[in-house]
Amino acid sequence: MYLFFLLSIVIIALDQFSKWWIVHNMELYQSISVITDFFYITSHRNRGAAFGILQDQRWLFIIVTSCVVIGIIVYMIKMKKETILTKLALSLILGGAIGNFIDRIRTGEVVDFFHFQFGSYQFPIFNVADSALCVGVVLFLIASLTETKKEQVNTSVGDA
């Protein structure tokens, strides 16, 4: 279990260091092309949630994130039979949630910088914490679906 908490701590550290680097080495809205016409490092701030929704709802985010973080920590401490995939997913979600939570507490906004462009479409700019959260949610859904399928198979076999 400690390895999964360690993973969360590593994600938080990577997230906070990358944001610190962006703030101290780039002007706001400055953009550096990494792969021409596709991937940029762009210094951006977001006072809302994903895709810029719920702008300036700092206290809502702080309250919701606090509840989620406490819930995940309690669940991770108490869980016994969960799969490695579930533990990995929750570790990623926890690290990502805390990474953005730190920004919201300190400055009221989140530092974003990964910027992808697909033709004329600009994907919303995001950060390490956002990436960990998204990957964690996808892995959690996969773990939940595979566990549900196993339970259905076991129930079917038990009924036969």
C-alpha atoms as a PDB file:
ATOM      1  CA  MET A   1       0.000   0.000   0.000  1.00  0.00           C
ATOM      2  CA  TYR A   2       2.849   2.387   0.796  1.00  0.00           C
ATOM      3  CA  LEU A   3       4.125   2.109  -2.783  1.00  0.00           C
ATOM      4  CA  PHE A   4       0.813   3.455  -4.030  1.00  0.00           C
ATOM      5  CA  PHE A   5       0.983   6.432  -1.665  1.00  0.00           C
ATOM      6  CA  LEU A   6       4.590   6.935  -2.803  1.00  0.00           C
ATOM      7  CA  LEU A   7       3.353   7.060  -6.410  1.00  0.00           C
ATOM      8  CA  SER A   8       0.903   9.812  -5.417  1.00  0.00           C
ATOM      9  CA  ILE A   9       3.741  11.749  -3.782  1.00  0.00           C
ATOM     10  CA  VAL A  10       5.911  11.400  -6.916  1.00  0.00           C
ATOM     11  CA  ILE A  11       3.049  12.716  -9.070  1.00  0.00           C
ATOM     12  CA  ILE A  12       2.554  15.670  -6.723  1.00  0.00           C
ATOM     13  CA  ALA A  13       6.297  16.427  -6.813  1.00  0.00           C
ATOM     14  CA  LEU A  14       6.492  16.219 -10.630  1.00  0.00           C
ATOM     15  CA  ASP A  15       3.380  18.348 -10.960  1.00  0.00           C
ATOM     16  CA  GLN A  16       4.545  21.032  -8.551  1.00  0.00           C
ATOM     17  CA  PHE A  17       8.088  21.140  -9.948  1.00  0.00           C
ATOM     18  CA  SER A  18       6.857  21.428 -13.546  1.00  0.00           C
ATOM     19  CA  LYS A  19       4.470  24.244 -12.588  1.00  0.00           C
ATOM     20  CA  TRP A  20       7.212  26.011 -10.629  1.00  0.00           C
ATOM     21  CA  TRP A  21       9.498  25.783 -13.668  1.00  0.00           C
ATOM     22  CA  ILE A  22       6.832  27.215 -15.982  1.00  0.00           C
ATOM     23  CA  VAL A  23       6.059  30.134 -13.635  1.00  0.00           C
ATOM     24  CA  HIS A  24       9.735  30.991 -13.127  1.00  0.00           C
ATOM     25  CA  ASN A  25      10.981  30.515 -16.690  1.00  0.00           C
ATOM     26  CA  MET A  26       8.148  31.579 -18.982  1.00  0.00           C
ATOM     27  CA  GLU A  27       6.002  34.668 -19.358  1.00  0.00           C
ATOM     28  CA  LEU A  28       2.260  34.162 -19.059  1.00  0.00           C
ATOM     29  CA  TYR A  29       0.903  33.010 -22.467  1.00  0.00           C
ATOM     30  CA  GLN A  30       4.413  32.459 -23.822  1.00  0.00           C
ATOM     31  CA  SER A  31       4.482  29.368 -26.028  1.00  0.00           C
ATOM     32  CA  ILE A  32       7.402  27.146 -27.030  1.00  0.00           C
ATOM     33  CA  SER A  33       6.959  24.833 -30.002  1.00  0.00           C
ATOM     34  CA  VAL A  34       8.063  21.282 -29.206  1.00  0.00           C
ATOM     35  CA  ILE A  35       6.583  19.581 -32.288  1.00  0.00           C
ATOM     36  CA  THR A  36       5.627  22.145 -34.932  1.00  0.00           C
ATOM     37  CA  ASP A  37       1.881  22.534 -35.464  1.00  0.00           C
ATOM     38  CA  PHE A  38       1.130  19.836 -32.867  1.00  0.00           C
ATOM     39  CA  PHE A  39       2.664  20.152 -29.369  1.00  0.00           C
ATOM     40  CA  TYR A  40       3.621  23.278 -27.448  1.00  0.00           C
ATOM     41  CA  ILE A  41       4.582  24.231 -23.912  1.00  0.00           C
ATOM     42  CA  THR A  42       2.362  27.246 -23.208  1.00  0.00           C
ATOM     43  CA  SER A  43       2.266  29.139 -19.917  1.00  0.00           C
ATOM     44  CA  HIS A  44      -1.412  29.413 -19.000  1.00  0.00           C
ATOM     45  CA  ARG A  45      -3.545  29.860 -15.870  1.00  0.00           C
ATOM     46  CA  ASN A  46      -6.960  28.356 -15.209  1.00  0.00           C
ATOM     47  CA  ARG A  47      -9.287  29.607 -12.479  1.00  0.00           C
ATOM     48  CA  GLY A  48     -11.884  26.967 -13.348  1.00  0.00           C
ATOM     49  CA  ALA A  49     -12.140  23.235 -13.893  1.00  0.00           C
ATOM     50  CA  ALA A  50     -11.422  21.169 -16.991  1.00  0.00           C
ATOM     51  CA  PHE A  51     -12.014  23.073 -20.225  1.00  0.00           C
ATOM     52  CA  GLY A  52     -12.294  26.297 -18.190  1.00  0.00           C
ATOM     53  CA  ILE A  53     -15.764  25.563 -16.782  1.00  0.00           C
ATOM     54  CA  LEU A  54     -16.865  26.944 -13.397  1.00  0.00           C
ATOM     55  CA  GLN A  55     -14.452  29.884 -13.491  1.00  0.00           C
ATOM     56  CA  ASP A  56     -13.696  31.576 -10.152  1.00  0.00           C
ATOM     57  CA  GLN A  57     -15.359  28.885  -8.011  1.00  0.00           C
ATOM     58  CA  ARG A  58     -12.256  28.481  -5.830  1.00  0.00           C
ATOM     59  CA  TRP A  59     -14.050  27.477  -2.619  1.00  0.00           C
ATOM     60  CA  LEU A  60     -16.251  24.966  -4.415  1.00  0.00           C
ATOM     61  CA  PHE A  61     -13.128  23.271  -5.792  1.00  0.00           C
ATOM     62  CA  ILE A  62     -11.398  23.348  -2.417  1.00  0.00           C
ATOM     63  CA  ILE A  63     -14.391  21.769  -0.639  1.00  0.00           C
ATOM     64  CA  VAL A  64     -15.036  19.121  -3.300  1.00  0.00           C
ATOM     65  CA  THR A  65     -11.345  18.248  -3.630  1.00  0.00           C
ATOM     66  CA  SER A  66     -10.964  17.998   0.156  1.00  0.00           C
ATOM     67  CA  CYS A  67     -13.848  15.516   0.316  1.00  0.00           C
ATOM     68  CA  VAL A  68     -12.495  13.485  -2.614  1.00  0.00           C
ATOM     69  CA  VAL A  69      -8.953  13.368  -1.201  1.00  0.00           C
ATOM     70  CA  ILE A  70     -10.145  12.326   2.263  1.00  0.00           C
ATOM     71  CA  GLY A  71     -12.452   9.710   0.738  1.00  0.00           C
ATOM     72  CA  ILE A  72      -9.701   8.218  -1.422  1.00  0.00           C
ATOM     73  CA  ILE A  73      -7.189   8.120   1.446  1.00  0.00           C
ATOM     74  CA  VAL A  74      -9.681   6.408   3.786  1.00  0.00           C
ATOM     75  CA  TYR A  75     -10.692   3.957   1.057  1.00  0.00           C
ATOM     76  CA  MET A  76      -7.070   3.160   0.175  1.00  0.00           C
ATOM     77  CA  ILE A  77      -6.187   2.535   3.825  1.00  0.00           C
ATOM     78  CA  LYS A  78      -9.198   0.247   4.369  1.00  0.00           C
ATOM     79  CA  MET A  79      -9.171  -1.639   1.059  1.00  0.00           C
ATOM     80  CA  LYS A  80      -7.940  -5.200   1.270  1.00  0.00           C
ATOM     81  CA  LYS A  81      -9.003  -7.120  -1.836  1.00  0.00           C
ATOM     82  CA  GLU A  82      -8.746  -4.402  -4.460  1.00  0.00           C
ATOM     83  CA  THR A  83      -6.799  -5.156  -7.621  1.00  0.00           C
ATOM     84  CA  ILE A  84      -3.456  -3.566  -8.371  1.00  0.00           C
ATOM     85  CA  LEU A  85      -5.168  -1.682 -11.205  1.00  0.00           C
ATOM     86  CA  THR A  86      -7.662  -0.129  -8.764  1.00  0.00           C
ATOM     87  CA  LYS A  87      -4.871   0.854  -6.378  1.00  0.00           C
ATOM     88  CA  LEU A  88      -2.852   2.343  -9.237  1.00  0.00           C
ATOM     89  CA  ALA A  89      -5.893   4.271 -10.483  1.00  0.00           C
ATOM     90  CA  LEU A  90      -6.657   5.702  -7.049  1.00  0.00           C
ATOM     91  CA  SER A  91      -2.994   6.669  -6.573  1.00  0.00           C
ATOM     92  CA  LEU A  92      -3.035   8.619  -9.837  1.00  0.00           C
ATOM     93  CA  ILE A  93      -6.331  10.318  -8.962  1.00  0.00           C
ATOM     94  CA  LEU A  94      -5.056  11.190  -5.488  1.00  0.00           C
ATOM     95  CA  GLY A  95      -1.769  12.637  -6.767  1.00  0.00           C
ATOM     96  CA  GLY A  96      -3.514  14.645  -9.475  1.00  0.00           C
ATOM     97  CA  ALA A  97      -6.198  15.967  -7.149  1.00  0.00           C
ATOM     98  CA  ILE A  98      -3.663  17.081  -4.545  1.00  0.00           C
ATOM     99  CA  GLY A  99      -1.394  18.647  -7.199  1.00  0.00           C
ATOM    100  CA  ASN A 100      -4.139  20.969  -8.453  1.00  0.00           C
ATOM    101  CA  PHE A 101      -5.474  21.446  -4.899  1.00  0.00           C
ATOM    102  CA  ILE A 102      -2.129  22.936  -3.839  1.00  0.00           C
ATOM    103  CA  ASP A 103      -2.363  25.502  -6.656  1.00  0.00           C
ATOM    104  CA  ARG A 104      -5.932  26.456  -5.774  1.00  0.00           C
ATOM    105  CA  ILE A 105      -5.058  26.935  -2.093  1.00  0.00           C
ATOM    106  CA  ARG A 106      -1.893  28.946  -2.826  1.00  0.00           C
ATOM    107  CA  THR A 107      -2.970  31.153  -5.732  1.00  0.00           C
ATOM    108  CA  GLY A 108      -6.615  30.459  -6.574  1.00  0.00           C
ATOM    109  CA  GLU A 109      -5.658  29.209 -10.033  1.00  0.00           C
ATOM    110  CA  VAL A 110      -3.972  26.232 -11.654  1.00  0.00           C
ATOM    111  CA  VAL A 111      -0.855  26.479 -13.830  1.00  0.00           C
ATOM    112  CA  ASP A 112      -1.371  24.661 -17.145  1.00  0.00           C
ATOM    113  CA  PHE A 113       1.187  24.205 -19.912  1.00  0.00           C
ATOM    114  CA  PHE A 114       0.729  21.080 -22.098  1.00  0.00           C
ATOM    115  CA  HIS A 115      -0.838  22.432 -25.276  1.00  0.00           C
ATOM    116  CA  PHE A 116      -1.840  20.248 -28.222  1.00  0.00           C
ATOM    117  CA  GLN A 117      -3.168  21.401 -31.564  1.00  0.00           C
ATOM    118  CA  PHE A 118      -4.886  19.122 -34.081  1.00  0.00           C
ATOM    119  CA  GLY A 119      -5.217  21.099 -37.301  1.00  0.00           C
ATOM    120  CA  SER A 120      -7.317  24.125 -36.356  1.00  0.00           C
ATOM    121  CA  TYR A 121      -8.555  22.473 -33.132  1.00  0.00           C
ATOM    122  CA  GLN A 122      -6.836  23.646 -29.953  1.00  0.00           C
ATOM    123  CA  PHE A 123      -7.115  21.024 -27.197  1.00  0.00           C
ATOM    124  CA  PRO A 124      -7.525  22.647 -23.757  1.00  0.00           C
ATOM    125  CA  ILE A 125      -4.166  23.315 -22.082  1.00  0.00           C
ATOM    126  CA  PHE A 126      -3.476  20.988 -19.137  1.00  0.00           C
ATOM    127  CA  ASN A 127      -0.775  19.903 -16.660  1.00  0.00           C
ATOM    128  CA  VAL A 128       0.779  16.826 -15.003  1.00  0.00           C
ATOM    129  CA  ALA A 129      -1.952  16.664 -12.330  1.00  0.00           C
ATOM    130  CA  ASP A 130      -4.696  16.769 -14.975  1.00  0.00           C
ATOM    131  CA  SER A 131      -2.967  13.949 -16.864  1.00  0.00           C
ATOM    132  CA  ALA A 132      -2.724  11.808 -13.724  1.00  0.00           C
ATOM    133  CA  LEU A 133      -6.385  12.457 -12.908  1.00  0.00           C
ATOM    134  CA  CYS A 134      -7.591  11.514 -16.398  1.00  0.00           C
ATOM    135  CA  VAL A 135      -5.456   8.373 -16.651  1.00  0.00           C
ATOM    136  CA  GLY A 136      -6.502   7.418 -13.110  1.00  0.00           C
ATOM    137  CA  VAL A 137     -10.206   7.792 -13.897  1.00  0.00           C
ATOM    138  CA  VAL A 138      -9.872   5.698 -17.081  1.00  0.00           C
ATOM    139  CA  LEU A 139      -7.956   2.970 -15.202  1.00  0.00           C
ATOM    140  CA  PHE A 140     -10.535   3.033 -12.393  1.00  0.00           C
ATOM    141  CA  LEU A 141     -13.365   2.569 -14.913  1.00  0.00           C
ATOM    142  CA  ILE A 142     -11.504  -0.318 -16.557  1.00  0.00           C
ATOM    143  CA  ALA A 143     -10.860  -1.915 -13.155  1.00  0.00           C
ATOM    144  CA  SER A 144     -14.507  -1.480 -12.171  1.00  0.00           C
ATOM    145  CA  LEU A 145     -15.779  -2.964 -15.432  1.00  0.00           C
ATOM    146  CA  THR A 146     -13.444  -5.959 -15.299  1.00  0.00           C
ATOM    147  CA  GLU A 147     -14.338  -6.577 -11.644  1.00  0.00           C
ATOM    148  CA  THR A 148     -18.067  -6.369 -12.441  1.00  0.00           C
ATOM    149  CA  LYS A 149     -17.594  -8.851 -15.281  1.00  0.00           C
ATOM    150  CA  LYS A 150     -15.714 -11.257 -12.969  1.00  0.00           C
ATOM    151  CA  GLU A 151     -18.518 -11.019 -10.404  1.00  0.00           C
ATOM    152  CA  GLN A 152     -21.110 -11.766 -13.106  1.00  0.00           C
ATOM    153  CA  VAL A 153     -19.115 -14.787 -14.291  1.00  0.00           C
ATOM    154  CA  ASN A 154     -18.674 -16.044 -10.716  1.00  0.00           C
ATOM    155  CA  THR A 155     -22.393 -15.576 -10.011  1.00  0.00           C
ATOM    156  CA  SER A 156     -23.303 -17.429 -13.222  1.00  0.00           C
ATOM    157  CA  VAL A 157     -20.953 -20.298 -12.387  1.00  0.00           C
ATOM    158  CA  GLY A 158     -22.283 -20.433  -8.820  1.00  0.00           C
ATOM    159  CA  ASP A 159     -25.887 -20.620 -10.059  1.00  0.00           C
ATOM    160  CA  ALA A 160     -25.172 -23.498 -12.441  1.00  0.00           C
END
